[in-house]
Amino acid sequence: MIEKHDHSEDLARLLPALAREAVESYIREEKTIKVSSGDEIFRRKLGVFVTIRKGSSLRGCIGYTEPPWPLGITLIRAAIASGTEDPRFPSITPQELDDLFYEVTILTEPREIHINDEQDLGKIRLGINGLMIDSYGRTGLLLPQVALEEGFDAVDFLDVTCEKAGLMPGCWKSKGTKIYIFEGIVYKENQDQKKKKL
């Protein structure tokens, strides 16, 4: 079990490792791990997404933008949900576990922006801001790193976020649509970290 740590030095290693431990424990033993709340960061209510990849392919991504739980609980719930509840993929199997890599994104609080013309598109800093669309009772969210990974410009980013909400591209132009930006700090597991035992 991961205990208290110096997050100024270890956070980049610790958060993906915790996501891995949560998924592996749940898939192999149907057990939900607990994290020590000794460190202040685990007691804060922060938005978090867990992304699971198999090679270069996405294998699951689920998270919470404004969770009611502290980070320690939210991270574990997001990790397990990413591995078992993402509707785009079947649940991860025990045989896949050694081939997976984990990425944890900690979110800032979403902030509403208004886009009235092309100049306002500059309010979206690609690679830094994530997007959330809230329109007609539907919401869609894309993390900051998606824009760079997919080569999106601001319009593409907005359109695909609309599609993520189950709406038509361009829905962000509607007066009934709210657009929010947020930032994310990304912690990626690398090959060396994966080899180390927790």
C-alpha atoms as a PDB file:
ATOM      1  CA  MET A   1       0.000   0.000   0.000  1.00  0.00           C
ATOM      2  CA  ILE A   2       1.211   3.499  -0.813  1.00  0.00           C
ATOM      3  CA  GLU A   3       1.654   5.582   2.309  1.00  0.00           C
ATOM      4  CA  LYS A   4       2.568   9.174   3.113  1.00  0.00           C
ATOM      5  CA  HIS A   5       5.040  10.732   0.699  1.00  0.00           C
ATOM      6  CA  ASP A   6       6.810  13.929  -0.251  1.00  0.00           C
ATOM      7  CA  HIS A   7       4.601  14.916  -3.187  1.00  0.00           C
ATOM      8  CA  SER A   8       6.913  17.728  -4.278  1.00  0.00           C
ATOM      9  CA  GLU A   9       9.379  15.018  -5.369  1.00  0.00           C
ATOM     10  CA  ASP A  10       7.270  11.914  -5.803  1.00  0.00           C
ATOM     11  CA  LEU A  11       3.879  12.968  -7.157  1.00  0.00           C
ATOM     12  CA  ALA A  12       4.732  12.196 -10.785  1.00  0.00           C
ATOM     13  CA  ARG A  13       5.606   8.640  -9.764  1.00  0.00           C
ATOM     14  CA  LEU A  14       2.999   8.179  -7.069  1.00  0.00           C
ATOM     15  CA  LEU A  15      -0.260   9.092  -8.804  1.00  0.00           C
ATOM     16  CA  PRO A  16       0.107   6.772 -11.828  1.00  0.00           C
ATOM     17  CA  ALA A  17       1.364   4.042  -9.485  1.00  0.00           C
ATOM     18  CA  LEU A  18      -1.718   4.463  -7.312  1.00  0.00           C
ATOM     19  CA  ALA A  19      -3.988   4.259 -10.374  1.00  0.00           C
ATOM     20  CA  ARG A  20      -2.206   1.054 -11.450  1.00  0.00           C
ATOM     21  CA  GLU A  21      -2.494  -0.468  -7.984  1.00  0.00           C
ATOM     22  CA  ALA A  22      -6.217   0.363  -7.818  1.00  0.00           C
ATOM     23  CA  VAL A  23      -6.973  -1.252 -11.187  1.00  0.00           C
ATOM     24  CA  GLU A  24      -4.831  -4.337 -10.649  1.00  0.00           C
ATOM     25  CA  SER A  25      -6.252  -4.993  -7.182  1.00  0.00           C
ATOM     26  CA  TYR A  26      -9.811  -4.627  -8.447  1.00  0.00           C
ATOM     27  CA  ILE A  27      -9.353  -6.736 -11.587  1.00  0.00           C
ATOM     28  CA  ARG A  28      -7.360  -9.513  -9.919  1.00  0.00           C
ATOM     29  CA  GLU A  29      -9.028  -9.683  -6.516  1.00  0.00           C
ATOM     30  CA  GLU A  30     -12.182  -7.547  -6.749  1.00  0.00           C
ATOM     31  CA  LYS A  31     -10.775  -5.428  -3.915  1.00  0.00           C
ATOM     32  CA  THR A  32     -10.876  -1.627  -3.684  1.00  0.00           C
ATOM     33  CA  ILE A  33      -7.681  -0.289  -2.167  1.00  0.00           C
ATOM     34  CA  LYS A  34      -7.499   2.612   0.265  1.00  0.00           C
ATOM     35  CA  VAL A  35      -4.941   5.380   0.267  1.00  0.00           C
ATOM     36  CA  SER A  36      -3.435   6.994   3.334  1.00  0.00           C
ATOM     37  CA  SER A  37      -4.854  10.495   3.886  1.00  0.00           C
ATOM     38  CA  GLY A  38      -1.718  11.589   5.715  1.00  0.00           C
ATOM     39  CA  ASP A  39      -0.627  13.849   2.867  1.00  0.00           C
ATOM     40  CA  GLU A  40      -2.568  17.086   2.434  1.00  0.00           C
ATOM     41  CA  ILE A  41      -3.036  16.661  -1.321  1.00  0.00           C
ATOM     42  CA  PHE A  42      -5.075  13.494  -0.821  1.00  0.00           C
ATOM     43  CA  ARG A  43      -7.518  15.404   1.387  1.00  0.00           C
ATOM     44  CA  ARG A  44      -8.243  18.095  -1.226  1.00  0.00           C
ATOM     45  CA  LYS A  45     -11.285  17.871  -3.497  1.00  0.00           C
ATOM     46  CA  LEU A  46      -9.680  18.038  -6.922  1.00  0.00           C
ATOM     47  CA  GLY A  47     -11.003  16.998 -10.306  1.00  0.00           C
ATOM     48  CA  VAL A  48      -9.119  14.029 -11.696  1.00  0.00           C
ATOM     49  CA  PHE A  49      -9.139  11.850 -14.816  1.00  0.00           C
ATOM     50  CA  VAL A  50      -7.376   8.528 -15.238  1.00  0.00           C
ATOM     51  CA  THR A  51      -6.359   7.508 -18.750  1.00  0.00           C
ATOM     52  CA  ILE A  52      -5.307   3.930 -19.474  1.00  0.00           C
ATOM     53  CA  ARG A  53      -3.398   3.103 -22.637  1.00  0.00           C
ATOM     54  CA  LYS A  54      -2.355  -0.154 -24.265  1.00  0.00           C
ATOM     55  CA  GLY A  55       0.563   0.732 -26.474  1.00  0.00           C
ATOM     56  CA  SER A  56      -0.509   3.811 -28.402  1.00  0.00           C
ATOM     57  CA  SER A  57      -4.208   2.928 -28.144  1.00  0.00           C
ATOM     58  CA  LEU A  58      -6.661   4.294 -25.609  1.00  0.00           C
ATOM     59  CA  ARG A  59      -8.014   1.560 -23.317  1.00  0.00           C
ATOM     60  CA  GLY A  60     -10.144   3.659 -20.976  1.00  0.00           C
ATOM     61  CA  CYS A  61     -10.574   7.189 -19.657  1.00  0.00           C
ATOM     62  CA  ILE A  62     -13.008   8.326 -16.979  1.00  0.00           C
ATOM     63  CA  GLY A  63     -12.856  11.032 -14.353  1.00  0.00           C
ATOM     64  CA  TYR A  64     -14.659  13.602 -12.257  1.00  0.00           C
ATOM     65  CA  THR A  65     -14.531  17.378 -12.752  1.00  0.00           C
ATOM     66  CA  GLU A  66     -15.982  18.470  -9.398  1.00  0.00           C
ATOM     67  CA  PRO A  67     -16.019  15.397  -7.151  1.00  0.00           C
ATOM     68  CA  PRO A  68     -17.574  15.332  -3.674  1.00  0.00           C
ATOM     69  CA  TRP A  69     -14.738  13.177  -2.356  1.00  0.00           C
ATOM     70  CA  PRO A  70     -11.112  13.951  -1.498  1.00  0.00           C
ATOM     71  CA  LEU A  71      -8.454  13.185  -4.126  1.00  0.00           C
ATOM     72  CA  GLY A  72      -7.419   9.865  -2.605  1.00  0.00           C
ATOM     73  CA  ILE A  73     -10.911   8.422  -3.035  1.00  0.00           C
ATOM     74  CA  THR A  74     -11.590  10.149  -6.361  1.00  0.00           C
ATOM     75  CA  LEU A  75      -8.400   8.850  -7.967  1.00  0.00           C
ATOM     76  CA  ILE A  76      -9.143   5.256  -6.972  1.00  0.00           C
ATOM     77  CA  ARG A  77     -12.747   5.480  -8.198  1.00  0.00           C
ATOM     78  CA  ALA A  78     -11.679   7.060 -11.492  1.00  0.00           C
ATOM     79  CA  ALA A  79      -8.992   4.421 -12.058  1.00  0.00           C
ATOM     80  CA  ILE A  80     -11.362   1.516 -11.474  1.00  0.00           C
ATOM     81  CA  ALA A  81     -14.087   3.117 -13.608  1.00  0.00           C
ATOM     82  CA  SER A  82     -11.607   3.712 -16.440  1.00  0.00           C
ATOM     83  CA  GLY A  83     -10.711   0.053 -16.410  1.00  0.00           C
ATOM     84  CA  THR A  84     -14.215  -1.372 -16.057  1.00  0.00           C
ATOM     85  CA  GLU A  85     -16.920   1.179 -16.935  1.00  0.00           C
ATOM     86  CA  ASP A  86     -15.805   3.144 -19.995  1.00  0.00           C
ATOM     87  CA  PRO A  87     -18.676   2.403 -22.413  1.00  0.00           C
ATOM     88  CA  ARG A  88     -16.318   2.490 -25.399  1.00  0.00           C
ATOM     89  CA  PHE A  89     -14.382  -0.577 -24.269  1.00  0.00           C
ATOM     90  CA  PRO A  90     -14.920  -3.942 -22.600  1.00  0.00           C
ATOM     91  CA  SER A  91     -13.670  -4.305 -19.043  1.00  0.00           C
ATOM     92  CA  ILE A  92      -9.935  -4.880 -18.724  1.00  0.00           C
ATOM     93  CA  THR A  93      -8.974  -8.520 -18.270  1.00  0.00           C
ATOM     94  CA  PRO A  94      -6.270  -9.887 -15.932  1.00  0.00           C
ATOM     95  CA  GLN A  95      -4.258 -10.932 -18.989  1.00  0.00           C
ATOM     96  CA  GLU A  96      -3.964  -7.322 -20.169  1.00  0.00           C
ATOM     97  CA  LEU A  97      -2.715  -5.769 -16.948  1.00  0.00           C
ATOM     98  CA  ASP A  98       1.016  -6.040 -17.640  1.00  0.00           C
ATOM     99  CA  ASP A  99       0.599  -4.300 -21.010  1.00  0.00           C
ATOM    100  CA  LEU A 100      -1.104  -1.156 -19.710  1.00  0.00           C
ATOM    101  CA  PHE A 101       0.187   2.321 -18.953  1.00  0.00           C
ATOM    102  CA  TYR A 102      -1.495   4.884 -16.703  1.00  0.00           C
ATOM    103  CA  GLU A 103      -1.857   8.647 -16.921  1.00  0.00           C
ATOM    104  CA  VAL A 104      -3.411  10.834 -14.210  1.00  0.00           C
ATOM    105  CA  THR A 105      -4.624  14.368 -14.930  1.00  0.00           C
ATOM    106  CA  ILE A 106      -5.382  16.667 -11.999  1.00  0.00           C
ATOM    107  CA  LEU A 107      -7.806  19.433 -12.979  1.00  0.00           C
ATOM    108  CA  THR A 108      -8.239  23.036 -11.970  1.00  0.00           C
ATOM    109  CA  GLU A 109     -11.748  24.349 -11.376  1.00  0.00           C
ATOM    110  CA  PRO A 110     -13.624  24.890 -14.693  1.00  0.00           C
ATOM    111  CA  ARG A 111     -14.060  28.550 -15.706  1.00  0.00           C
ATOM    112  CA  GLU A 112     -16.742  29.734 -18.130  1.00  0.00           C
ATOM    113  CA  ILE A 113     -15.667  31.626 -21.249  1.00  0.00           C
ATOM    114  CA  HIS A 114     -17.696  33.336 -23.974  1.00  0.00           C
ATOM    115  CA  ILE A 115     -16.859  33.014 -27.665  1.00  0.00           C
ATOM    116  CA  ASN A 116     -18.615  35.613 -29.776  1.00  0.00           C
ATOM    117  CA  ASP A 117     -16.234  35.842 -32.746  1.00  0.00           C
ATOM    118  CA  GLU A 118     -13.013  34.375 -34.121  1.00  0.00           C
ATOM    119  CA  GLN A 119     -10.844  36.584 -31.911  1.00  0.00           C
ATOM    120  CA  ASP A 120     -12.348  34.926 -28.838  1.00  0.00           C
ATOM    121  CA  LEU A 121     -10.967  31.565 -29.967  1.00  0.00           C
ATOM    122  CA  GLY A 122      -7.651  32.755 -28.559  1.00  0.00           C
ATOM    123  CA  LYS A 123      -9.098  32.302 -25.077  1.00  0.00           C
ATOM    124  CA  ILE A 124      -8.510  28.577 -25.593  1.00  0.00           C
ATOM    125  CA  ARG A 125      -4.814  27.789 -25.143  1.00  0.00           C
ATOM    126  CA  LEU A 126      -4.271  24.548 -27.002  1.00  0.00           C
ATOM    127  CA  GLY A 127      -2.302  22.021 -25.003  1.00  0.00           C
ATOM    128  CA  ILE A 128      -2.916  23.964 -21.790  1.00  0.00           C
ATOM    129  CA  ASN A 129      -6.699  24.245 -21.558  1.00  0.00           C
ATOM    130  CA  GLY A 130      -9.164  21.405 -21.557  1.00  0.00           C
ATOM    131  CA  LEU A 131     -12.742  22.024 -22.681  1.00  0.00           C
ATOM    132  CA  MET A 132     -16.131  21.259 -21.230  1.00  0.00           C
ATOM    133  CA  ILE A 133     -19.387  21.895 -23.116  1.00  0.00           C
ATOM    134  CA  ASP A 134     -22.739  22.071 -21.331  1.00  0.00           C
ATOM    135  CA  SER A 135     -25.661  22.277 -23.744  1.00  0.00           C
ATOM    136  CA  TYR A 136     -29.298  21.221 -23.588  1.00  0.00           C
ATOM    137  CA  GLY A 137     -28.700  19.000 -20.580  1.00  0.00           C
ATOM    138  CA  ARG A 138     -25.734  17.234 -22.162  1.00  0.00           C
ATOM    139  CA  THR A 139     -22.085  17.630 -21.235  1.00  0.00           C
ATOM    140  CA  GLY A 140     -18.873  16.704 -22.992  1.00  0.00           C
ATOM    141  CA  LEU A 141     -15.283  17.072 -21.847  1.00  0.00           C
ATOM    142  CA  LEU A 142     -11.868  16.736 -23.464  1.00  0.00           C
ATOM    143  CA  LEU A 143      -8.583  16.914 -21.550  1.00  0.00           C
ATOM    144  CA  PRO A 144      -5.905  19.478 -22.516  1.00  0.00           C
ATOM    145  CA  GLN A 145      -3.548  16.909 -24.007  1.00  0.00           C
ATOM    146  CA  VAL A 146      -6.156  15.720 -26.546  1.00  0.00           C
ATOM    147  CA  ALA A 147      -5.808  18.834 -28.709  1.00  0.00           C
ATOM    148  CA  LEU A 148      -2.075  18.274 -29.179  1.00  0.00           C
ATOM    149  CA  GLU A 149      -2.342  14.509 -29.604  1.00  0.00           C
ATOM    150  CA  GLU A 150      -4.964  14.908 -32.357  1.00  0.00           C
ATOM    151  CA  GLY A 151      -3.577  18.069 -33.980  1.00  0.00           C
ATOM    152  CA  PHE A 152      -6.760  20.077 -33.323  1.00  0.00           C
ATOM    153  CA  ASP A 153      -7.113  23.798 -33.792  1.00  0.00           C
ATOM    154  CA  ALA A 154      -9.544  25.657 -31.499  1.00  0.00           C
ATOM    155  CA  VAL A 155     -12.575  25.064 -33.751  1.00  0.00           C
ATOM    156  CA  ASP A 156     -11.802  21.340 -34.052  1.00  0.00           C
ATOM    157  CA  PHE A 157     -11.413  21.137 -30.288  1.00  0.00           C
ATOM    158  CA  LEU A 158     -14.786  22.792 -29.718  1.00  0.00           C
ATOM    159  CA  ASP A 159     -16.523  20.683 -32.362  1.00  0.00           C
ATOM    160  CA  VAL A 160     -15.206  17.382 -31.023  1.00  0.00           C
ATOM    161  CA  THR A 161     -16.158  18.371 -27.476  1.00  0.00           C
ATOM    162  CA  CYS A 162     -19.704  18.927 -28.769  1.00  0.00           C
ATOM    163  CA  GLU A 163     -19.629  15.459 -30.331  1.00  0.00           C
ATOM    164  CA  LYS A 164     -18.393  14.035 -27.023  1.00  0.00           C
ATOM    165  CA  ALA A 165     -21.592  15.449 -25.483  1.00  0.00           C
ATOM    166  CA  GLY A 166     -23.648  13.650 -28.136  1.00  0.00           C
ATOM    167  CA  LEU A 167     -24.397  16.877 -29.986  1.00  0.00           C
ATOM    168  CA  MET A 168     -23.692  18.147 -33.472  1.00  0.00           C
ATOM    169  CA  PRO A 169     -20.385  19.899 -34.248  1.00  0.00           C
ATOM    170  CA  GLY A 170     -20.865  23.634 -33.928  1.00  0.00           C
ATOM    171  CA  CYS A 171     -23.197  23.359 -30.940  1.00  0.00           C
ATOM    172  CA  TRP A 172     -20.779  25.666 -29.110  1.00  0.00           C
ATOM    173  CA  LYS A 173     -22.107  28.574 -31.224  1.00  0.00           C
ATOM    174  CA  SER A 174     -25.609  28.204 -29.741  1.00  0.00           C
ATOM    175  CA  LYS A 175     -26.751  30.739 -27.161  1.00  0.00           C
ATOM    176  CA  GLY A 176     -27.929  27.870 -24.956  1.00  0.00           C
ATOM    177  CA  THR A 177     -24.437  26.384 -24.738  1.00  0.00           C
ATOM    178  CA  LYS A 178     -21.964  27.078 -21.969  1.00  0.00           C
ATOM    179  CA  ILE A 179     -18.234  26.655 -22.630  1.00  0.00           C
ATOM    180  CA  TYR A 180     -15.777  26.058 -19.827  1.00  0.00           C
ATOM    181  CA  ILE A 181     -12.001  25.821 -19.844  1.00  0.00           C
ATOM    182  CA  PHE A 182      -9.762  24.249 -17.240  1.00  0.00           C
ATOM    183  CA  GLU A 183      -6.129  23.309 -16.915  1.00  0.00           C
ATOM    184  CA  GLY A 184      -4.688  19.931 -16.174  1.00  0.00           C
ATOM    185  CA  ILE A 185      -1.422  18.737 -14.678  1.00  0.00           C
ATOM    186  CA  VAL A 186      -0.567  15.434 -16.347  1.00  0.00           C
ATOM    187  CA  TYR A 187       1.364  12.674 -14.585  1.00  0.00           C
ATOM    188  CA  LYS A 188       2.381   9.874 -16.951  1.00  0.00           C
ATOM    189  CA  GLU A 189       3.749   6.501 -16.055  1.00  0.00           C
ATOM    190  CA  ASN A 190       6.887   5.653 -17.993  1.00  0.00           C
ATOM    191  CA  GLN A 191       8.556   2.327 -18.699  1.00  0.00           C
ATOM    192  CA  ASP A 192      11.007   2.627 -15.800  1.00  0.00           C
ATOM    193  CA  GLN A 193       8.234   3.411 -13.320  1.00  0.00           C
ATOM    194  CA  LYS A 194       6.197   0.492 -14.584  1.00  0.00           C
ATOM    195  CA  LYS A 195       9.018  -1.948 -13.868  1.00  0.00           C
ATOM    196  CA  LYS A 196       9.343  -0.869 -10.235  1.00  0.00           C
ATOM    197  CA  LYS A 197       7.350  -2.741  -7.617  1.00  0.00           C
ATOM    198  CA  LEU A 198       5.095  -0.640  -5.385  1.00  0.00           C
END
